[in-house]
Amino acid sequence: MIGPLTEVALRLRFVYAASVTAALALRALNGEQDAEVADCLRMGVCDTLGQQVCQLKAILEGLGAKLAEPLR
């Protein structure tokens, strides 16, 4: 189970990075509603994904997994 859980954690980390990039790109556009959309993306997706990655990392470490790279 550690292998599949580690893969899920790594995929979530990449989704997290993509969502942060999208939020930053929206902010850079500086349109009328872009900042609000970026804030929603950040709070609803980025922060939630970041928390899930941290929880999954704690589970993996609790199971004794040796993580090759930091998950966050």
Protein backbone atom coordinates (compact mmCIF):
# COMPACT_ATOMS: atom_id res chain seq x y z
CA MET A 1 0.00 0.00 0.00
CA ILE A 2 2.90 2.37 0.57
CA GLY A 3 3.83 2.45 -3.13
CA PRO A 4 0.37 3.40 -4.40
CA LEU A 5 -0.11 5.93 -1.60
CA THR A 6 3.22 7.52 -2.44
CA GLU A 7 2.19 7.80 -6.09
CA VAL A 8 -1.07 9.47 -5.07
CA ALA A 9 0.84 11.91 -2.87
CA LEU A 10 3.22 12.81 -5.69
CA ARG A 11 0.36 13.31 -8.15
CA LEU A 12 -1.44 15.53 -5.66
CA ARG A 13 1.73 17.56 -5.26
CA PHE A 14 1.87 18.15 -9.01
CA VAL A 15 -1.81 19.13 -9.10
CA TYR A 16 -1.10 21.50 -6.21
CA ALA A 17 1.79 23.09 -8.13
CA ALA A 18 -0.37 23.48 -11.25
CA SER A 19 -3.19 25.11 -9.28
CA VAL A 20 -0.79 27.54 -7.59
CA THR A 21 0.64 28.43 -11.00
CA ALA A 22 -2.87 29.02 -12.40
CA ALA A 23 -3.77 31.25 -9.44
CA LEU A 24 -0.58 33.27 -9.88
CA ALA A 25 -1.21 33.61 -13.62
CA LEU A 26 -4.73 34.92 -12.97
CA ARG A 27 -3.36 37.49 -10.56
CA ALA A 28 -0.78 38.58 -13.13
CA LEU A 29 -3.53 39.21 -15.71
CA ASN A 30 -4.88 41.86 -13.35
CA GLY A 31 -8.35 41.80 -14.90
CA GLU A 32 -11.49 42.99 -13.20
CA GLN A 33 -12.41 39.61 -11.67
CA ASP A 34 -9.11 37.76 -12.02
CA ALA A 35 -8.01 38.49 -8.45
CA GLU A 36 -11.28 37.14 -7.04
CA VAL A 37 -11.05 34.00 -9.15
CA ALA A 38 -7.41 33.58 -8.10
CA ASP A 39 -8.40 33.91 -4.44
CA CYS A 40 -11.13 31.29 -4.85
CA LEU A 41 -8.71 28.95 -6.60
CA ARG A 42 -6.11 29.48 -3.92
CA MET A 43 -8.47 28.90 -0.99
CA GLY A 44 -10.67 26.22 -2.52
CA VAL A 45 -8.07 24.20 -4.38
CA CYS A 46 -4.48 25.11 -3.54
CA ASP A 47 -4.80 25.27 0.23
CA THR A 48 -7.00 22.17 0.37
CA LEU A 49 -4.60 20.16 -1.79
CA GLY A 50 -1.65 21.32 0.28
CA GLN A 51 -3.36 20.12 3.45
CA GLN A 52 -4.19 16.75 1.89
CA VAL A 53 -0.59 16.26 0.75
CA CYS A 54 0.63 17.01 4.28
CA GLN A 55 -1.85 14.54 5.77
CA LEU A 56 -0.92 11.86 3.26
CA LYS A 57 2.77 12.45 4.00
CA ALA A 58 2.10 11.98 7.72
CA ILE A 59 0.23 8.73 7.00
CA LEU A 60 3.08 7.45 4.84
CA GLU A 61 5.67 8.34 7.45
CA GLY A 62 3.52 6.65 10.10
CA LEU A 63 3.53 3.51 7.97
CA GLY A 64 7.31 3.65 7.83
CA ALA A 65 7.69 4.84 4.25
CA LYS A 66 11.03 6.31 3.25
CA LEU A 67 10.14 9.19 0.94
CA ALA A 68 12.70 9.78 -1.79
CA GLU A 69 11.82 13.46 -2.16
CA PRO A 70 9.96 15.91 0.02
CA LEU A 71 6.26 16.01 -0.74
CA ARG A 72 5.96 19.67 0.12
